[in-house]
Amino acid sequence: MNHRNRGDVDWERIAPLLPGKEGDVGRTAADNRQFLNEVLWIARSGAPWRDLPERYGNWNSVFQRFRRWAKKGVWQEIFDALQEPDLDWLLLDSTIVRAHRSGEPSARCRSKKRPPKLRL
């Protein structure tokens, strides 16, 4: 049985959207997946770019590539591709939505929420 992890599935969804792949005009990217891991490290840690670990290479090169992708709208395309579920298209038919009896306020609770009666 072939078990793929969530990261591999997500990678297959976004890889075609990324610049620098074979066949694109210009320079071919060294490793887009590694670059995404570098950006995710910054996002998870909240560290400034200068604190990017040396194993990821020059922090300024990573930052400049991040900026280029941002200007091109690549990050928005990635977010759109990974968005699940698309709740903008969700429709609910209220005729089939039922509340459990325990969700109904008791008579005591209802009476507390009513405005006081005015006496003239």
N, C-alpha and C. Protein backbone atom coordinates (compact mmCIF):
# COMPACT_ATOMS: atom_id res chain seq x y z
N MET A 1 0.83 -1.18 0.00
CA MET A 1 0.00 0.00 0.00
C MET A 1 0.88 1.25 0.00
N ASN A 2 0.57 2.20 -0.83
CA ASN A 2 1.36 3.41 -0.94
C ASN A 2 0.81 4.47 0.01
N HIS A 3 1.60 4.82 1.01
CA HIS A 3 1.20 5.85 1.98
C HIS A 3 2.02 7.10 1.73
N ARG A 4 1.34 8.16 1.35
CA ARG A 4 2.02 9.44 1.16
C ARG A 4 1.62 10.35 2.31
N ASN A 5 2.57 11.12 2.80
CA ASN A 5 2.23 12.02 3.89
C ASN A 5 1.59 13.29 3.33
N ARG A 6 1.02 14.06 4.22
CA ARG A 6 0.29 15.27 3.84
C ARG A 6 1.19 16.25 3.09
N GLY A 7 2.46 16.35 3.53
CA GLY A 7 3.39 17.26 2.89
C GLY A 7 3.61 16.92 1.43
N ASP A 8 3.70 15.63 1.12
CA ASP A 8 3.90 15.21 -0.28
C ASP A 8 2.67 15.53 -1.12
N VAL A 9 1.50 15.33 -0.56
CA VAL A 9 0.26 15.62 -1.29
C VAL A 9 0.15 17.12 -1.56
N ASP A 10 0.43 17.93 -0.54
CA ASP A 10 0.39 19.38 -0.72
C ASP A 10 1.44 19.84 -1.73
N TRP A 11 2.62 19.23 -1.66
CA TRP A 11 3.69 19.60 -2.58
C TRP A 11 3.26 19.35 -4.03
N GLU A 12 2.62 18.24 -4.29
CA GLU A 12 2.16 17.94 -5.64
C GLU A 12 1.14 18.96 -6.13
N ARG A 13 0.38 19.53 -5.22
CA ARG A 13 -0.63 20.52 -5.60
C ARG A 13 -0.01 21.86 -5.95
N ILE A 14 1.07 22.24 -5.26
CA ILE A 14 1.63 23.58 -5.48
C ILE A 14 2.85 23.60 -6.39
N ALA A 15 3.54 22.49 -6.57
CA ALA A 15 4.77 22.48 -7.37
C ALA A 15 4.59 23.10 -8.77
N PRO A 16 3.50 22.81 -9.47
CA PRO A 16 3.35 23.41 -10.80
C PRO A 16 3.18 24.94 -10.78
N LEU A 17 2.83 25.51 -9.63
CA LEU A 17 2.59 26.95 -9.52
C LEU A 17 3.88 27.74 -9.30
N LEU A 18 4.95 27.06 -8.92
CA LEU A 18 6.16 27.74 -8.48
C LEU A 18 7.07 28.11 -9.65
N PRO A 19 7.64 29.31 -9.59
CA PRO A 19 8.57 29.72 -10.64
C PRO A 19 9.89 28.97 -10.53
N GLY A 20 10.61 28.91 -11.65
CA GLY A 20 11.94 28.30 -11.64
C GLY A 20 11.95 26.83 -11.94
N LYS A 21 10.81 26.26 -12.35
CA LYS A 21 10.80 24.83 -12.67
C LYS A 21 11.29 24.62 -14.09
N GLU A 22 11.60 23.40 -14.43
CA GLU A 22 12.05 23.07 -15.80
C GLU A 22 11.03 23.58 -16.80
N GLY A 23 11.51 24.22 -17.86
CA GLY A 23 10.62 24.72 -18.89
C GLY A 23 10.23 26.18 -18.71
N ASP A 24 10.41 26.75 -17.51
CA ASP A 24 10.13 28.16 -17.29
C ASP A 24 11.24 29.01 -17.90
N VAL A 25 10.88 30.21 -18.33
CA VAL A 25 11.87 31.14 -18.86
C VAL A 25 12.75 31.61 -17.70
N GLY A 26 14.03 31.75 -17.96
CA GLY A 26 14.95 32.23 -16.93
C GLY A 26 15.65 31.09 -16.22
N ARG A 27 16.19 31.42 -15.08
CA ARG A 27 17.00 30.47 -14.32
C ARG A 27 16.13 29.40 -13.66
N THR A 28 16.63 28.17 -13.67
CA THR A 28 15.93 27.08 -12.99
C THR A 28 16.29 27.12 -11.52
N ALA A 29 15.27 27.05 -10.66
CA ALA A 29 15.48 27.12 -9.22
C ALA A 29 16.27 25.92 -8.72
N ALA A 30 17.12 26.16 -7.73
CA ALA A 30 17.94 25.09 -7.17
C ALA A 30 17.04 24.03 -6.51
N ASP A 31 16.15 24.46 -5.64
CA ASP A 31 15.28 23.52 -4.94
C ASP A 31 14.12 24.29 -4.31
N ASN A 32 12.99 24.34 -5.00
CA ASN A 32 11.83 25.08 -4.49
C ASN A 32 11.31 24.51 -3.18
N ARG A 33 11.37 23.19 -3.03
CA ARG A 33 10.85 22.59 -1.80
C ARG A 33 11.71 22.97 -0.61
N GLN A 34 13.01 23.00 -0.79
CA GLN A 34 13.92 23.43 0.28
C GLN A 34 13.65 24.89 0.63
N PHE A 35 13.45 25.71 -0.41
CA PHE A 35 13.17 27.13 -0.18
C PHE A 35 11.89 27.31 0.64
N LEU A 36 10.86 26.54 0.33
CA LEU A 36 9.62 26.62 1.11
C LEU A 36 9.87 26.24 2.56
N ASN A 37 10.71 25.24 2.79
CA ASN A 37 11.05 24.86 4.16
C ASN A 37 11.77 26.00 4.89
N GLU A 38 12.62 26.73 4.16
CA GLU A 38 13.31 27.87 4.77
C GLU A 38 12.32 28.95 5.19
N VAL A 39 11.38 29.26 4.30
CA VAL A 39 10.37 30.27 4.60
C VAL A 39 9.47 29.82 5.75
N LEU A 40 9.10 28.55 5.75
CA LEU A 40 8.27 28.02 6.84
C LEU A 40 9.01 28.07 8.17
N TRP A 41 10.32 27.87 8.15
CA TRP A 41 11.10 27.97 9.39
C TRP A 41 10.99 29.38 9.97
N ILE A 42 11.13 30.38 9.10
CA ILE A 42 11.00 31.77 9.54
C ILE A 42 9.60 32.03 10.08
N ALA A 43 8.58 31.55 9.37
CA ALA A 43 7.19 31.79 9.78
C ALA A 43 6.89 31.13 11.12
N ARG A 44 7.35 29.88 11.30
CA ARG A 44 7.07 29.16 12.56
C ARG A 44 7.83 29.75 13.73
N SER A 45 9.08 30.13 13.50
CA SER A 45 9.92 30.59 14.61
C SER A 45 9.66 32.05 14.96
N GLY A 46 9.20 32.83 13.99
CA GLY A 46 9.01 34.25 14.22
C GLY A 46 10.33 35.00 14.27
N ALA A 47 11.41 34.35 13.87
CA ALA A 47 12.74 34.96 13.91
C ALA A 47 12.91 35.93 12.75
N PRO A 48 13.80 36.90 12.91
CA PRO A 48 14.12 37.77 11.78
C PRO A 48 14.92 36.99 10.73
N TRP A 49 14.91 37.49 9.51
CA TRP A 49 15.59 36.79 8.42
C TRP A 49 17.06 36.54 8.74
N ARG A 50 17.71 37.47 9.42
CA ARG A 50 19.14 37.33 9.73
C ARG A 50 19.42 36.12 10.62
N ASP A 51 18.42 35.62 11.31
CA ASP A 51 18.61 34.47 12.20
C ASP A 51 18.34 33.13 11.51
N LEU A 52 18.14 33.15 10.20
CA LEU A 52 17.95 31.90 9.47
C LEU A 52 19.19 31.03 9.65
N PRO A 53 19.04 29.77 10.06
CA PRO A 53 20.22 28.92 10.27
C PRO A 53 21.09 28.81 9.02
N GLU A 54 22.38 28.72 9.25
CA GLU A 54 23.35 28.67 8.15
C GLU A 54 23.11 27.49 7.22
N ARG A 55 22.54 26.40 7.75
CA ARG A 55 22.31 25.23 6.89
C ARG A 55 21.39 25.54 5.72
N TYR A 56 20.62 26.64 5.83
CA TYR A 56 19.72 27.05 4.74
C TYR A 56 20.40 27.97 3.74
N GLY A 57 21.62 28.35 4.00
CA GLY A 57 22.34 29.24 3.09
C GLY A 57 22.27 30.69 3.54
N ASN A 58 22.62 31.57 2.63
CA ASN A 58 22.66 33.00 2.92
C ASN A 58 21.25 33.53 3.17
N TRP A 59 21.03 34.13 4.32
CA TRP A 59 19.70 34.61 4.69
C TRP A 59 19.20 35.66 3.71
N ASN A 60 20.10 36.52 3.20
CA ASN A 60 19.67 37.59 2.31
C ASN A 60 19.20 37.03 0.96
N SER A 61 19.84 35.97 0.48
CA SER A 61 19.41 35.34 -0.77
C SER A 61 18.01 34.75 -0.62
N VAL A 62 17.77 34.12 0.53
CA VAL A 62 16.45 33.54 0.80
C VAL A 62 15.41 34.65 0.88
N PHE A 63 15.75 35.74 1.58
CA PHE A 63 14.83 36.86 1.72
C PHE A 63 14.51 37.50 0.37
N GLN A 64 15.53 37.69 -0.47
CA GLN A 64 15.31 38.31 -1.79
C GLN A 64 14.40 37.44 -2.66
N ARG A 65 14.59 36.14 -2.58
CA ARG A 65 13.73 35.23 -3.35
C ARG A 65 12.31 35.29 -2.82
N PHE A 66 12.16 35.36 -1.49
CA PHE A 66 10.85 35.50 -0.86
C PHE A 66 10.15 36.75 -1.38
N ARG A 67 10.88 37.88 -1.44
CA ARG A 67 10.31 39.15 -1.92
C ARG A 67 9.90 39.06 -3.39
N ARG A 68 10.74 38.43 -4.21
CA ARG A 68 10.39 38.29 -5.63
C ARG A 68 9.09 37.51 -5.79
N TRP A 69 8.95 36.43 -5.04
CA TRP A 69 7.73 35.63 -5.11
C TRP A 69 6.53 36.44 -4.63
N ALA A 70 6.72 37.24 -3.60
CA ALA A 70 5.62 38.06 -3.09
C ALA A 70 5.17 39.07 -4.14
N LYS A 71 6.13 39.71 -4.81
CA LYS A 71 5.79 40.71 -5.84
C LYS A 71 5.07 40.07 -7.03
N LYS A 72 5.42 38.82 -7.34
CA LYS A 72 4.80 38.12 -8.47
C LYS A 72 3.44 37.52 -8.10
N GLY A 73 3.09 37.49 -6.82
CA GLY A 73 1.82 36.90 -6.39
C GLY A 73 1.88 35.39 -6.20
N VAL A 74 3.09 34.84 -6.14
CA VAL A 74 3.24 33.39 -6.00
C VAL A 74 2.65 32.91 -4.67
N TRP A 75 2.90 33.66 -3.59
CA TRP A 75 2.40 33.23 -2.28
C TRP A 75 0.88 33.16 -2.25
N GLN A 76 0.23 34.13 -2.90
CA GLN A 76 -1.24 34.12 -2.94
C GLN A 76 -1.73 32.89 -3.70
N GLU A 77 -1.06 32.54 -4.79
CA GLU A 77 -1.44 31.34 -5.55
C GLU A 77 -1.28 30.08 -4.70
N ILE A 78 -0.22 30.02 -3.91
CA ILE A 78 0.01 28.87 -3.04
C ILE A 78 -1.10 28.78 -2.00
N PHE A 79 -1.41 29.92 -1.37
CA PHE A 79 -2.46 29.93 -0.34
C PHE A 79 -3.81 29.52 -0.94
N ASP A 80 -4.10 30.02 -2.13
CA ASP A 80 -5.36 29.68 -2.78
C ASP A 80 -5.43 28.19 -3.10
N ALA A 81 -4.31 27.62 -3.55
CA ALA A 81 -4.28 26.20 -3.91
C ALA A 81 -4.43 25.30 -2.70
N LEU A 82 -3.93 25.74 -1.55
CA LEU A 82 -3.96 24.90 -0.36
C LEU A 82 -5.18 25.14 0.52
N GLN A 83 -5.99 26.12 0.16
CA GLN A 83 -7.16 26.45 0.97
C GLN A 83 -8.15 25.31 0.92
N GLU A 84 -8.53 24.81 2.10
CA GLU A 84 -9.50 23.73 2.20
C GLU A 84 -10.38 23.95 3.39
N PRO A 85 -11.58 23.66 3.35
CA PRO A 85 -12.41 23.64 2.15
C PRO A 85 -12.71 25.07 1.73
N ASP A 86 -13.21 25.23 0.54
CA ASP A 86 -13.58 26.55 0.06
C ASP A 86 -14.97 26.88 0.59
N LEU A 87 -15.01 27.51 1.72
CA LEU A 87 -16.29 27.78 2.39
C LEU A 87 -17.09 28.89 1.70
N ASP A 88 -16.49 29.58 0.74
CA ASP A 88 -17.23 30.60 0.01
C ASP A 88 -18.39 30.00 -0.78
N TRP A 89 -18.28 28.71 -1.09
CA TRP A 89 -19.30 28.06 -1.91
C TRP A 89 -20.20 27.15 -1.08
N LEU A 90 -20.07 27.17 0.22
CA LEU A 90 -20.86 26.31 1.08
C LEU A 90 -22.27 26.88 1.24
N LEU A 91 -23.25 26.04 1.01
CA LEU A 91 -24.65 26.43 1.19
C LEU A 91 -25.30 25.48 2.17
N LEU A 92 -26.08 26.03 3.08
CA LEU A 92 -26.82 25.21 4.04
C LEU A 92 -28.30 25.44 3.83
N ASP A 93 -29.04 24.38 3.81
CA ASP A 93 -30.48 24.44 3.72
C ASP A 93 -31.01 24.31 5.15
N SER A 94 -31.60 25.37 5.65
CA SER A 94 -32.02 25.37 7.05
C SER A 94 -33.16 24.39 7.34
N THR A 95 -33.79 23.84 6.32
CA THR A 95 -34.87 22.88 6.57
C THR A 95 -34.33 21.56 7.09
N ILE A 96 -33.02 21.31 6.91
CA ILE A 96 -32.47 20.05 7.38
C ILE A 96 -31.58 20.23 8.61
N VAL A 97 -31.40 21.47 9.04
CA VAL A 97 -30.57 21.72 10.22
C VAL A 97 -31.47 21.69 11.43
N ARG A 98 -31.13 20.84 12.37
CA ARG A 98 -31.94 20.71 13.58
C ARG A 98 -31.08 20.99 14.80
N ALA A 99 -31.67 21.63 15.76
CA ALA A 99 -30.98 21.87 17.02
C ALA A 99 -31.42 20.80 18.02
N HIS A 100 -30.49 20.39 18.82
CA HIS A 100 -30.81 19.41 19.87
C HIS A 100 -31.62 20.11 20.95
N ARG A 101 -32.46 19.36 21.65
CA ARG A 101 -33.30 19.94 22.69
C ARG A 101 -32.48 20.66 23.74
N SER A 102 -31.29 20.15 24.01
CA SER A 102 -30.47 20.79 25.03
C SER A 102 -29.97 22.15 24.56
N GLY A 103 -30.07 22.44 23.26
CA GLY A 103 -29.67 23.73 22.74
C GLY A 103 -30.72 24.79 22.93
N GLU A 104 -31.94 24.40 23.30
CA GLU A 104 -33.02 25.35 23.50
C GLU A 104 -32.92 25.94 24.90
N PRO A 105 -33.03 27.26 25.02
CA PRO A 105 -32.94 27.86 26.36
C PRO A 105 -34.14 27.45 27.21
N SER A 106 -33.90 27.24 28.46
CA SER A 106 -34.98 26.87 29.37
C SER A 106 -35.87 28.08 29.63
N ALA A 107 -37.04 27.82 30.18
CA ALA A 107 -37.99 28.90 30.47
C ALA A 107 -37.36 29.91 31.42
N ARG A 108 -36.59 29.43 32.37
CA ARG A 108 -35.94 30.31 33.35
C ARG A 108 -34.96 31.25 32.64
N CYS A 109 -34.19 30.73 31.70
CA CYS A 109 -33.22 31.55 30.97
C CYS A 109 -33.93 32.56 30.08
N ARG A 110 -35.01 32.14 29.45
CA ARG A 110 -35.74 33.06 28.57
C ARG A 110 -36.30 34.22 29.36
N SER A 111 -36.81 33.93 30.55
CA SER A 111 -37.42 35.00 31.33
C SER A 111 -36.39 36.03 31.76
N LYS A 112 -35.15 35.64 31.95
CA LYS A 112 -34.12 36.58 32.36
C LYS A 112 -33.76 37.52 31.22
N LYS A 113 -33.92 37.08 29.99
CA LYS A 113 -33.51 37.87 28.85
C LYS A 113 -34.59 38.82 28.38
N ARG A 114 -35.82 38.65 28.84
CA ARG A 114 -36.90 39.53 28.42
C ARG A 114 -36.75 40.87 29.12
N PRO A 115 -37.08 41.92 28.40
CA PRO A 115 -37.03 43.25 29.05
C PRO A 115 -38.12 43.35 30.12
N PRO A 116 -37.88 44.09 31.14
CA PRO A 116 -38.89 44.21 32.20
C PRO A 116 -40.16 44.88 31.68
N LYS A 117 -41.30 44.43 32.22
CA LYS A 117 -42.58 45.03 31.82
C LYS A 117 -42.70 46.40 32.45
N LEU A 118 -43.20 47.32 31.65
CA LEU A 118 -43.39 48.68 32.16
C LEU A 118 -44.74 48.76 32.84
N ARG A 119 -44.78 49.36 33.99
CA ARG A 119 -46.05 49.56 34.71
C ARG A 119 -46.38 51.04 34.67
N LEU A 120 -47.57 51.31 34.22
CA LEU A 120 -48.00 52.70 34.15
C LEU A 120 -48.96 53.06 35.21
